[in-house]
Amino acid sequence: MIEAIEKTEDISKEERFIKELKDTGREGIDNLILAMKNGGFFTAPCSGKFHLAKEGGLLEHSLNVLDCAREINVALGFPVNKDPLIIVALLHDLGKMGDHGKPNYVEKLLKSGERSAAEPYTTNKDLAYIDHEIRSVMIAERYIELTEEEEQAILLHNGLYGVFKYEIQGKETELYMILHFSDMWASRVIEKEGE
């Protein structure tokens, strides 16, 4: 049986996200959620021009990844416990909200002053560049303790598309692989541009 919070019309995506995180019982989770609210996580886009480049896209993507991760975990006979799965799925892109009071993405404006339709957002040049995988772990660990396996899964979640692509081979864990494939499926299939 899949342990999931019912997706109903009675609960918003933000409420579902918060309930999922709180249900892990992780110490410090309330402070992390408050930091996410204050940091703009729930309204941030997920990308500048690709998947879910829209307000609230980061929240939507995180929930899509969690749903995919649960389905993969079930199909594989539950190799991963539910709480680590929830933590990494919902926090893997936490760094995309930005940090130090600065958003990661800002509206991309054309010379005309109009917002770009092709690339609605761009990376904020006022925020010091740190790969979002690293920033995700840094922000999360200000408030909650991640396990070694959770840190690795978040840091490596972009697989061959990420900054740690040469360090992955032979070091894969079940948690990392489920997160990586769930992230890929959500961004490349569920959230295909234009659909």
N, C-alpha and C. Protein backbone atom coordinates (compact mmCIF):
# COMPACT_ATOMS: atom_id res chain seq x y z
N MET A 1 0.84 -1.19 0.00
CA MET A 1 0.00 0.00 0.00
C MET A 1 0.88 1.25 0.00
N ILE A 2 0.57 2.19 -0.86
CA ILE A 2 1.34 3.43 -0.94
C ILE A 2 0.92 4.34 0.19
N GLU A 3 1.89 4.79 0.96
CA GLU A 3 1.59 5.74 2.02
C GLU A 3 1.71 7.13 1.44
N ALA A 4 0.59 7.72 1.14
CA ALA A 4 0.60 9.05 0.53
C ALA A 4 -0.56 9.85 1.08
N ILE A 5 -0.40 11.12 1.05
CA ILE A 5 -1.47 12.02 1.45
C ILE A 5 -2.38 12.17 0.24
N GLU A 6 -3.65 11.98 0.48
CA GLU A 6 -4.62 12.04 -0.60
C GLU A 6 -4.52 13.36 -1.38
N LYS A 7 -4.54 13.23 -2.69
CA LYS A 7 -4.56 14.41 -3.55
C LYS A 7 -6.03 14.72 -3.81
N THR A 8 -6.55 15.69 -3.12
CA THR A 8 -7.95 16.05 -3.29
C THR A 8 -8.05 17.54 -3.59
N GLU A 9 -9.21 17.93 -3.97
CA GLU A 9 -9.46 19.35 -4.24
C GLU A 9 -9.53 20.14 -2.94
N ASP A 10 -9.65 19.44 -1.81
CA ASP A 10 -9.81 20.10 -0.52
C ASP A 10 -8.50 20.62 0.06
N ILE A 11 -7.39 20.20 -0.51
CA ILE A 11 -6.09 20.59 0.04
C ILE A 11 -5.25 21.19 -1.09
N SER A 12 -4.63 22.32 -0.82
CA SER A 12 -3.79 22.96 -1.84
C SER A 12 -2.46 22.23 -1.95
N LYS A 13 -1.74 22.51 -3.02
CA LYS A 13 -0.41 21.92 -3.20
C LYS A 13 0.50 22.30 -2.05
N GLU A 14 0.44 23.56 -1.64
CA GLU A 14 1.29 24.00 -0.53
C GLU A 14 0.93 23.27 0.75
N GLU A 15 -0.36 23.13 1.03
CA GLU A 15 -0.78 22.41 2.24
C GLU A 15 -0.34 20.95 2.18
N ARG A 16 -0.46 20.33 1.03
CA ARG A 16 -0.03 18.93 0.89
C ARG A 16 1.48 18.82 1.12
N PHE A 17 2.25 19.72 0.51
CA PHE A 17 3.70 19.71 0.66
C PHE A 17 4.10 19.82 2.13
N ILE A 18 3.50 20.77 2.82
CA ILE A 18 3.81 20.99 4.23
C ILE A 18 3.43 19.77 5.06
N LYS A 19 2.27 19.22 4.81
CA LYS A 19 1.84 18.03 5.57
C LYS A 19 2.78 16.87 5.32
N GLU A 20 3.19 16.66 4.08
CA GLU A 20 4.12 15.58 3.76
C GLU A 20 5.42 15.74 4.56
N LEU A 21 5.98 16.95 4.54
CA LEU A 21 7.23 17.18 5.28
C LEU A 21 7.04 16.99 6.78
N LYS A 22 5.96 17.53 7.32
CA LYS A 22 5.72 17.42 8.76
C LYS A 22 5.53 15.97 9.18
N ASP A 23 4.92 15.17 8.31
CA ASP A 23 4.66 13.77 8.65
C ASP A 23 5.94 12.95 8.76
N THR A 24 7.07 13.48 8.33
CA THR A 24 8.34 12.77 8.52
C THR A 24 8.78 12.83 9.98
N GLY A 25 8.25 13.81 10.72
CA GLY A 25 8.61 13.96 12.12
C GLY A 25 10.04 14.43 12.33
N ARG A 26 10.65 14.93 11.27
CA ARG A 26 12.06 15.36 11.36
C ARG A 26 12.16 16.59 12.26
N GLU A 27 13.05 16.54 13.23
CA GLU A 27 13.27 17.67 14.14
C GLU A 27 13.73 18.89 13.33
N GLY A 28 13.12 20.03 13.60
CA GLY A 28 13.48 21.27 12.92
C GLY A 28 12.68 21.54 11.66
N ILE A 29 11.78 20.64 11.29
CA ILE A 29 11.05 20.77 10.02
C ILE A 29 10.17 22.01 10.00
N ASP A 30 9.60 22.40 11.14
CA ASP A 30 8.75 23.60 11.17
C ASP A 30 9.56 24.85 10.84
N ASN A 31 10.79 24.92 11.35
CA ASN A 31 11.65 26.07 11.04
C ASN A 31 12.07 26.06 9.57
N LEU A 32 12.30 24.88 9.01
CA LEU A 32 12.63 24.79 7.59
C LEU A 32 11.45 25.27 6.74
N ILE A 33 10.26 24.83 7.08
CA ILE A 33 9.07 25.24 6.33
C ILE A 33 8.88 26.75 6.41
N LEU A 34 9.10 27.33 7.58
CA LEU A 34 9.01 28.79 7.73
C LEU A 34 10.04 29.48 6.84
N ALA A 35 11.26 28.96 6.81
CA ALA A 35 12.31 29.53 5.95
C ALA A 35 11.93 29.41 4.49
N MET A 36 11.28 28.31 4.12
CA MET A 36 10.85 28.13 2.74
C MET A 36 9.75 29.13 2.38
N LYS A 37 8.84 29.36 3.31
CA LYS A 37 7.79 30.36 3.06
C LYS A 37 8.41 31.74 2.90
N ASN A 38 9.30 32.09 3.81
CA ASN A 38 9.95 33.41 3.76
C ASN A 38 10.88 33.54 2.56
N GLY A 39 11.44 32.44 2.11
CA GLY A 39 12.38 32.45 0.98
C GLY A 39 11.73 32.37 -0.39
N GLY A 40 10.40 32.23 -0.42
CA GLY A 40 9.69 32.22 -1.69
C GLY A 40 9.62 30.87 -2.38
N PHE A 41 9.91 29.79 -1.68
CA PHE A 41 9.88 28.46 -2.30
C PHE A 41 8.54 28.17 -2.97
N PHE A 42 7.44 28.48 -2.30
CA PHE A 42 6.12 28.08 -2.77
C PHE A 42 5.62 28.86 -3.97
N THR A 43 6.29 29.95 -4.31
CA THR A 43 5.91 30.72 -5.50
C THR A 43 6.99 30.73 -6.57
N ALA A 44 8.15 30.18 -6.27
CA ALA A 44 9.29 30.21 -7.20
C ALA A 44 9.03 29.34 -8.44
N PRO A 45 9.58 29.76 -9.59
CA PRO A 45 9.53 28.89 -10.77
C PRO A 45 10.53 27.75 -10.60
N CYS A 46 10.36 26.71 -11.40
CA CYS A 46 11.29 25.58 -11.31
C CYS A 46 12.48 25.75 -12.23
N SER A 47 12.31 26.55 -13.28
CA SER A 47 13.41 26.79 -14.21
C SER A 47 13.20 28.13 -14.89
N GLY A 48 14.19 28.53 -15.68
CA GLY A 48 14.09 29.80 -16.38
C GLY A 48 13.26 29.72 -17.65
N LYS A 49 13.38 28.58 -18.36
CA LYS A 49 12.64 28.47 -19.62
C LYS A 49 12.18 27.04 -19.93
N PHE A 50 12.58 26.08 -19.14
CA PHE A 50 12.23 24.71 -19.46
C PHE A 50 11.01 24.27 -18.66
N HIS A 51 11.13 23.24 -17.87
CA HIS A 51 9.95 22.69 -17.19
C HIS A 51 9.48 23.60 -16.06
N LEU A 52 8.19 23.86 -16.09
CA LEU A 52 7.50 24.64 -15.06
C LEU A 52 8.15 25.99 -14.76
N ALA A 53 8.47 26.70 -15.82
CA ALA A 53 8.99 28.07 -15.70
C ALA A 53 7.81 29.01 -15.49
N LYS A 54 7.22 28.86 -14.31
CA LYS A 54 6.03 29.66 -13.96
C LYS A 54 5.96 29.79 -12.46
N GLU A 55 5.18 30.74 -11.99
CA GLU A 55 5.00 30.91 -10.56
C GLU A 55 4.44 29.62 -9.96
N GLY A 56 5.06 29.16 -8.89
CA GLY A 56 4.62 27.93 -8.24
C GLY A 56 5.17 26.66 -8.88
N GLY A 57 6.00 26.81 -9.90
CA GLY A 57 6.54 25.66 -10.61
C GLY A 57 7.42 24.77 -9.75
N LEU A 58 8.20 25.37 -8.86
CA LEU A 58 9.09 24.61 -7.99
C LEU A 58 8.29 23.71 -7.04
N LEU A 59 7.23 24.23 -6.48
CA LEU A 59 6.35 23.45 -5.62
C LEU A 59 5.73 22.29 -6.40
N GLU A 60 5.19 22.60 -7.57
CA GLU A 60 4.55 21.58 -8.40
C GLU A 60 5.54 20.47 -8.79
N HIS A 61 6.73 20.87 -9.19
CA HIS A 61 7.75 19.89 -9.58
C HIS A 61 8.12 19.00 -8.40
N SER A 62 8.31 19.57 -7.23
CA SER A 62 8.69 18.79 -6.05
C SER A 62 7.65 17.74 -5.72
N LEU A 63 6.38 18.09 -5.83
CA LEU A 63 5.31 17.12 -5.58
C LEU A 63 5.26 16.06 -6.67
N ASN A 64 5.50 16.46 -7.92
CA ASN A 64 5.55 15.48 -9.02
C ASN A 64 6.67 14.47 -8.79
N VAL A 65 7.82 14.94 -8.33
CA VAL A 65 8.94 14.05 -8.06
C VAL A 65 8.58 13.09 -6.93
N LEU A 66 7.94 13.59 -5.90
CA LEU A 66 7.53 12.71 -4.80
C LEU A 66 6.57 11.64 -5.29
N ASP A 67 5.60 12.02 -6.10
CA ASP A 67 4.63 11.04 -6.61
C ASP A 67 5.33 9.97 -7.45
N CYS A 68 6.25 10.39 -8.30
CA CYS A 68 7.01 9.43 -9.12
C CYS A 68 7.87 8.53 -8.24
N ALA A 69 8.53 9.11 -7.26
CA ALA A 69 9.40 8.33 -6.37
C ALA A 69 8.61 7.27 -5.63
N ARG A 70 7.43 7.61 -5.19
CA ARG A 70 6.59 6.62 -4.50
C ARG A 70 6.22 5.48 -5.43
N GLU A 71 5.85 5.81 -6.65
CA GLU A 71 5.47 4.77 -7.61
C GLU A 71 6.65 3.85 -7.93
N ILE A 72 7.82 4.42 -8.11
CA ILE A 72 9.01 3.61 -8.38
C ILE A 72 9.34 2.74 -7.17
N ASN A 73 9.26 3.32 -5.99
CA ASN A 73 9.55 2.58 -4.76
C ASN A 73 8.61 1.38 -4.61
N VAL A 74 7.34 1.58 -4.92
CA VAL A 74 6.36 0.49 -4.86
C VAL A 74 6.72 -0.58 -5.89
N ALA A 75 6.98 -0.15 -7.12
CA ALA A 75 7.29 -1.11 -8.19
C ALA A 75 8.52 -1.95 -7.88
N LEU A 76 9.44 -1.39 -7.14
CA LEU A 76 10.67 -2.11 -6.79
C LEU A 76 10.57 -2.88 -5.47
N GLY A 77 9.40 -2.87 -4.86
CA GLY A 77 9.22 -3.63 -3.63
C GLY A 77 9.65 -2.90 -2.37
N PHE A 78 9.60 -1.58 -2.37
CA PHE A 78 9.91 -0.74 -1.21
C PHE A 78 11.35 -0.87 -0.72
N PRO A 79 12.34 -0.65 -1.58
CA PRO A 79 13.72 -0.71 -1.11
C PRO A 79 14.11 0.49 -0.24
N VAL A 80 13.33 1.57 -0.28
CA VAL A 80 13.66 2.80 0.45
C VAL A 80 12.54 3.10 1.43
N ASN A 81 12.90 3.49 2.64
CA ASN A 81 11.91 3.89 3.65
C ASN A 81 11.22 5.18 3.23
N LYS A 82 10.00 5.36 3.69
CA LYS A 82 9.18 6.48 3.22
C LYS A 82 9.72 7.86 3.62
N ASP A 83 10.24 8.03 4.84
CA ASP A 83 10.68 9.36 5.27
C ASP A 83 11.86 9.89 4.47
N PRO A 84 12.93 9.11 4.26
CA PRO A 84 14.01 9.62 3.40
C PRO A 84 13.54 9.93 1.98
N LEU A 85 12.60 9.12 1.49
CA LEU A 85 12.07 9.36 0.15
C LEU A 85 11.35 10.71 0.08
N ILE A 86 10.55 11.01 1.09
CA ILE A 86 9.84 12.29 1.15
C ILE A 86 10.83 13.44 1.26
N ILE A 87 11.80 13.31 2.15
CA ILE A 87 12.78 14.38 2.37
C ILE A 87 13.52 14.71 1.08
N VAL A 88 14.08 13.72 0.39
CA VAL A 88 14.88 14.02 -0.80
C VAL A 88 14.02 14.47 -1.97
N ALA A 89 12.84 13.89 -2.11
CA ALA A 89 11.97 14.29 -3.23
C ALA A 89 11.52 15.74 -3.08
N LEU A 90 11.12 16.11 -1.87
CA LEU A 90 10.59 17.47 -1.68
C LEU A 90 11.67 18.53 -1.54
N LEU A 91 12.89 18.15 -1.16
CA LEU A 91 13.94 19.14 -0.92
C LEU A 91 15.07 19.11 -1.95
N HIS A 92 15.01 18.24 -2.95
CA HIS A 92 16.15 18.11 -3.87
C HIS A 92 16.45 19.39 -4.63
N ASP A 93 15.44 20.21 -4.90
CA ASP A 93 15.64 21.47 -5.62
C ASP A 93 15.44 22.69 -4.73
N LEU A 94 15.54 22.51 -3.43
CA LEU A 94 15.34 23.59 -2.46
C LEU A 94 16.19 24.81 -2.81
N GLY A 95 17.40 24.61 -3.29
CA GLY A 95 18.30 25.71 -3.63
C GLY A 95 17.79 26.59 -4.75
N LYS A 96 16.83 26.11 -5.52
CA LYS A 96 16.27 26.91 -6.61
C LYS A 96 15.40 28.05 -6.12
N MET A 97 15.09 28.07 -4.82
CA MET A 97 14.31 29.20 -4.30
C MET A 97 15.20 30.42 -4.10
N GLY A 98 16.52 30.20 -4.04
CA GLY A 98 17.45 31.29 -3.76
C GLY A 98 17.93 31.21 -2.33
N ASP A 99 18.58 32.26 -1.87
CA ASP A 99 19.16 32.26 -0.53
C ASP A 99 19.53 33.68 -0.14
N HIS A 100 19.76 33.91 1.12
CA HIS A 100 20.19 35.21 1.65
C HIS A 100 19.23 36.33 1.25
N GLY A 101 17.93 36.00 1.23
CA GLY A 101 16.92 37.00 0.90
C GLY A 101 16.84 37.35 -0.57
N LYS A 102 17.51 36.56 -1.42
CA LYS A 102 17.52 36.82 -2.86
C LYS A 102 16.96 35.61 -3.59
N PRO A 103 16.02 35.83 -4.52
CA PRO A 103 15.50 34.70 -5.29
C PRO A 103 16.55 34.17 -6.27
N ASN A 104 16.46 32.89 -6.59
CA ASN A 104 17.35 32.30 -7.59
C ASN A 104 16.99 32.75 -8.99
N TYR A 105 15.69 32.86 -9.24
CA TYR A 105 15.21 33.28 -10.55
C TYR A 105 14.50 34.63 -10.44
N VAL A 106 14.72 35.47 -11.44
CA VAL A 106 14.02 36.75 -11.55
C VAL A 106 13.43 36.83 -12.96
N GLU A 107 12.43 37.67 -13.12
CA GLU A 107 11.82 37.81 -14.44
C GLU A 107 12.85 38.29 -15.45
N LYS A 108 12.80 37.71 -16.64
CA LYS A 108 13.69 38.17 -17.71
C LYS A 108 12.92 39.19 -18.55
N LEU A 109 13.41 40.40 -18.54
CA LEU A 109 12.76 41.48 -19.27
C LEU A 109 13.53 41.79 -20.55
N LEU A 110 12.79 42.02 -21.60
CA LEU A 110 13.39 42.41 -22.88
C LEU A 110 13.69 43.90 -22.87
N LYS A 111 14.42 44.37 -23.87
CA LYS A 111 14.73 45.80 -23.96
C LYS A 111 13.48 46.66 -23.99
N SER A 112 12.40 46.08 -24.51
CA SER A 112 11.13 46.80 -24.59
C SER A 112 10.47 46.96 -23.22
N GLY A 113 10.98 46.23 -22.23
CA GLY A 113 10.39 46.25 -20.90
C GLY A 113 9.38 45.13 -20.70
N GLU A 114 9.07 44.43 -21.79
CA GLU A 114 8.15 43.29 -21.73
C GLU A 114 8.88 42.06 -21.19
N ARG A 115 8.14 41.21 -20.57
CA ARG A 115 8.70 39.94 -20.08
C ARG A 115 8.89 38.99 -21.27
N SER A 116 10.01 38.31 -21.29
CA SER A 116 10.31 37.36 -22.36
C SER A 116 9.33 36.20 -22.32
N ALA A 117 8.74 35.88 -23.45
CA ALA A 117 7.84 34.72 -23.53
C ALA A 117 8.64 33.44 -23.67
N ALA A 118 9.77 33.49 -24.37
CA ALA A 118 10.60 32.31 -24.60
C ALA A 118 11.36 31.87 -23.36
N GLU A 119 11.77 32.83 -22.55
CA GLU A 119 12.51 32.55 -21.31
C GLU A 119 12.00 33.51 -20.24
N PRO A 120 10.90 33.13 -19.56
CA PRO A 120 10.28 34.05 -18.61
C PRO A 120 11.15 34.43 -17.42
N TYR A 121 12.10 33.57 -17.05
CA TYR A 121 12.96 33.84 -15.89
C TYR A 121 14.42 33.64 -16.27
N THR A 122 15.28 34.31 -15.51
CA THR A 122 16.71 34.14 -15.67
C THR A 122 17.34 34.05 -14.28
N THR A 123 18.53 33.52 -14.22
CA THR A 123 19.22 33.40 -12.93
C THR A 123 19.54 34.79 -12.39
N ASN A 124 19.31 34.98 -11.12
CA ASN A 124 19.53 36.26 -10.44
C ASN A 124 21.03 36.53 -10.32
N LYS A 125 21.51 37.54 -10.98
CA LYS A 125 22.93 37.88 -10.95
C LYS A 125 23.36 38.50 -9.62
N ASP A 126 22.40 38.91 -8.79
CA ASP A 126 22.72 39.47 -7.47
C ASP A 126 22.91 38.39 -6.41
N LEU A 127 22.65 37.14 -6.77
CA LEU A 127 22.85 36.02 -5.85
C LEU A 127 24.12 35.30 -6.24
N ALA A 128 25.04 35.15 -5.30
CA ALA A 128 26.30 34.45 -5.59
C ALA A 128 26.01 33.07 -6.16
N TYR A 129 26.71 32.71 -7.22
CA TYR A 129 26.44 31.44 -7.86
C TYR A 129 26.97 30.27 -7.04
N ILE A 130 26.07 29.36 -6.74
CA ILE A 130 26.38 28.06 -6.14
C ILE A 130 25.41 27.10 -6.81
N ASP A 131 25.90 25.96 -7.27
CA ASP A 131 25.01 24.99 -7.89
C ASP A 131 23.84 24.69 -6.97
N HIS A 132 22.65 24.55 -7.55
CA HIS A 132 21.45 24.39 -6.72
C HIS A 132 21.47 23.11 -5.91
N GLU A 133 22.16 22.08 -6.37
CA GLU A 133 22.25 20.84 -5.61
C GLU A 133 22.97 21.11 -4.27
N ILE A 134 24.05 21.86 -4.33
CA ILE A 134 24.82 22.20 -3.13
C ILE A 134 24.02 23.14 -2.24
N ARG A 135 23.42 24.14 -2.85
CA ARG A 135 22.61 25.09 -2.08
C ARG A 135 21.44 24.38 -1.39
N SER A 136 20.87 23.38 -2.04
CA SER A 136 19.74 22.64 -1.46
C SER A 136 20.16 21.97 -0.15
N VAL A 137 21.30 21.31 -0.16
CA VAL A 137 21.79 20.66 1.05
C VAL A 137 22.13 21.70 2.11
N MET A 138 22.79 22.79 1.71
CA MET A 138 23.17 23.83 2.67
C MET A 138 21.95 24.41 3.39
N ILE A 139 20.92 24.74 2.62
CA ILE A 139 19.73 25.34 3.23
C ILE A 139 19.04 24.34 4.14
N ALA A 140 18.84 23.13 3.65
CA ALA A 140 18.14 22.11 4.45
C ALA A 140 18.85 21.88 5.78
N GLU A 141 20.18 21.79 5.74
CA GLU A 141 20.93 21.45 6.95
C GLU A 141 21.05 22.61 7.94
N ARG A 142 20.59 23.78 7.58
CA ARG A 142 20.50 24.85 8.57
C ARG A 142 19.39 24.55 9.58
N TYR A 143 18.43 23.72 9.17
CA TYR A 143 17.23 23.50 9.96
C TYR A 143 17.00 22.05 10.38
N ILE A 144 17.36 21.11 9.52
CA ILE A 144 17.15 19.69 9.82
C ILE A 144 18.45 18.93 9.59
N GLU A 145 18.53 17.77 10.19
CA GLU A 145 19.70 16.93 9.96
C GLU A 145 19.38 15.95 8.84
N LEU A 146 20.20 15.97 7.80
CA LEU A 146 20.07 15.01 6.71
C LEU A 146 21.00 13.83 7.00
N THR A 147 20.59 12.66 6.57
CA THR A 147 21.49 11.52 6.67
C THR A 147 22.53 11.63 5.55
N GLU A 148 23.58 10.86 5.68
CA GLU A 148 24.62 10.83 4.65
C GLU A 148 24.02 10.42 3.29
N GLU A 149 23.13 9.44 3.31
CA GLU A 149 22.52 8.97 2.08
C GLU A 149 21.59 10.03 1.47
N GLU A 150 20.89 10.79 2.31
CA GLU A 150 20.03 11.87 1.82
C GLU A 150 20.87 12.98 1.20
N GLU A 151 21.98 13.34 1.86
CA GLU A 151 22.88 14.35 1.29
C GLU A 151 23.37 13.91 -0.09
N GLN A 152 23.82 12.66 -0.18
CA GLN A 152 24.34 12.17 -1.45
C GLN A 152 23.27 12.18 -2.53
N ALA A 153 22.08 11.73 -2.20
CA ALA A 153 20.99 11.68 -3.19
C ALA A 153 20.68 13.08 -3.72
N ILE A 154 20.61 14.07 -2.83
CA ILE A 154 20.32 15.43 -3.26
C ILE A 154 21.48 15.99 -4.09
N LEU A 155 22.70 15.81 -3.62
CA LEU A 155 23.86 16.34 -4.35
C LEU A 155 24.01 15.74 -5.74
N LEU A 156 23.69 14.46 -5.89
CA LEU A 156 23.90 13.77 -7.16
C LEU A 156 22.64 13.66 -8.01
N HIS A 157 21.51 14.20 -7.57
CA HIS A 157 20.23 13.91 -8.20
C HIS A 157 20.16 14.24 -9.69
N ASN A 158 20.99 15.12 -10.19
CA ASN A 158 20.96 15.44 -11.62
C ASN A 158 21.78 14.48 -12.48
N GLY A 159 22.39 13.51 -11.85
CA GLY A 159 23.08 12.46 -12.60
C GLY A 159 24.11 13.04 -13.55
N LEU A 160 24.09 12.54 -14.78
CA LEU A 160 25.05 12.98 -15.79
C LEU A 160 24.82 14.41 -16.25
N TYR A 161 23.71 15.02 -15.83
CA TYR A 161 23.42 16.40 -16.19
C TYR A 161 23.90 17.38 -15.12
N GLY A 162 24.43 16.87 -14.02
CA GLY A 162 24.82 17.72 -12.91
C GLY A 162 26.32 17.88 -12.77
N VAL A 163 26.70 18.64 -11.78
CA VAL A 163 28.12 18.97 -11.56
C VAL A 163 28.94 17.80 -11.05
N PHE A 164 28.27 16.79 -10.51
CA PHE A 164 29.00 15.64 -9.95
C PHE A 164 28.95 14.43 -10.89
N LYS A 165 28.74 14.65 -12.18
CA LYS A 165 28.53 13.55 -13.12
C LYS A 165 29.68 12.55 -13.15
N TYR A 166 30.89 12.96 -12.91
CA TYR A 166 32.03 12.04 -12.97
C TYR A 166 32.26 11.30 -11.66
N GLU A 167 31.60 11.72 -10.61
CA GLU A 167 31.80 11.09 -9.31
C GLU A 167 30.77 10.02 -8.99
N ILE A 168 29.74 9.86 -9.82
CA ILE A 168 28.62 8.99 -9.50
C ILE A 168 28.93 7.50 -9.71
N GLN A 169 29.56 7.17 -10.80
CA GLN A 169 29.73 5.77 -11.20
C GLN A 169 30.27 4.91 -10.06
N GLY A 170 29.53 3.84 -9.76
CA GLY A 170 29.92 2.91 -8.73
C GLY A 170 29.53 3.32 -7.32
N LYS A 171 28.94 4.51 -7.18
CA LYS A 171 28.56 5.00 -5.85
C LYS A 171 27.05 5.18 -5.71
N GLU A 172 26.32 4.64 -6.67
CA GLU A 172 24.87 4.80 -6.67
C GLU A 172 24.24 4.08 -5.48
N THR A 173 23.22 4.70 -4.90
CA THR A 173 22.43 4.07 -3.84
C THR A 173 20.99 3.97 -4.35
N GLU A 174 20.21 3.16 -3.69
CA GLU A 174 18.81 3.03 -4.09
C GLU A 174 18.09 4.36 -4.00
N LEU A 175 18.33 5.11 -2.91
CA LEU A 175 17.68 6.40 -2.72
C LEU A 175 18.06 7.37 -3.83
N TYR A 176 19.36 7.44 -4.15
CA TYR A 176 19.81 8.32 -5.24
C TYR A 176 19.13 7.95 -6.55
N MET A 177 19.15 6.65 -6.90
CA MET A 177 18.61 6.23 -8.20
C MET A 177 17.12 6.52 -8.30
N ILE A 178 16.37 6.27 -7.24
CA ILE A 178 14.93 6.55 -7.27
C ILE A 178 14.71 8.05 -7.43
N LEU A 179 15.46 8.87 -6.70
CA LEU A 179 15.32 10.33 -6.83
C LEU A 179 15.68 10.78 -8.24
N HIS A 180 16.80 10.31 -8.76
CA HIS A 180 17.25 10.73 -10.09
C HIS A 180 16.22 10.37 -11.16
N PHE A 181 15.76 9.14 -11.16
CA PHE A 181 14.80 8.72 -12.19
C PHE A 181 13.46 9.43 -12.02
N SER A 182 13.06 9.69 -10.79
CA SER A 182 11.81 10.42 -10.54
C SER A 182 11.91 11.86 -11.03
N ASP A 183 13.04 12.50 -10.77
CA ASP A 183 13.28 13.87 -11.23
C ASP A 183 13.27 13.92 -12.76
N MET A 184 13.92 12.96 -13.38
CA MET A 184 13.97 12.92 -14.85
C MET A 184 12.56 12.69 -15.42
N TRP A 185 11.83 11.75 -14.86
CA TRP A 185 10.49 11.45 -15.37
C TRP A 185 9.57 12.65 -15.20
N ALA A 186 9.63 13.28 -14.04
CA ALA A 186 8.77 14.44 -13.79
C ALA A 186 9.10 15.57 -14.75
N SER A 187 10.40 15.89 -14.91
CA SER A 187 10.77 17.05 -15.73
C SER A 187 10.70 16.76 -17.23
N ARG A 188 10.97 15.54 -17.65
CA ARG A 188 11.03 15.24 -19.08
C ARG A 188 9.74 14.66 -19.65
N VAL A 189 8.89 14.13 -18.79
CA VAL A 189 7.64 13.51 -19.28
C VAL A 189 6.42 14.25 -18.75
N ILE A 190 6.27 14.30 -17.44
CA ILE A 190 5.06 14.91 -16.85
C ILE A 190 5.00 16.41 -17.14
N GLU A 191 6.13 17.08 -17.07
CA GLU A 191 6.15 18.54 -17.17
C GLU A 191 6.65 19.04 -18.51
N LYS A 192 6.53 18.24 -19.55
CA LYS A 192 7.02 18.64 -20.87
C LYS A 192 6.55 20.04 -21.24
N GLU A 193 7.47 20.82 -21.75
CA GLU A 193 7.16 22.21 -22.13
C GLU A 193 5.98 22.25 -23.08
N GLY A 194 5.05 23.17 -22.80
CA GLY A 194 3.91 23.38 -23.68
C GLY A 194 2.72 22.49 -23.37
N GLU A 195 2.81 21.67 -22.35
CA GLU A 195 1.69 20.80 -22.03
C GLU A 195 1.10 21.14 -20.68
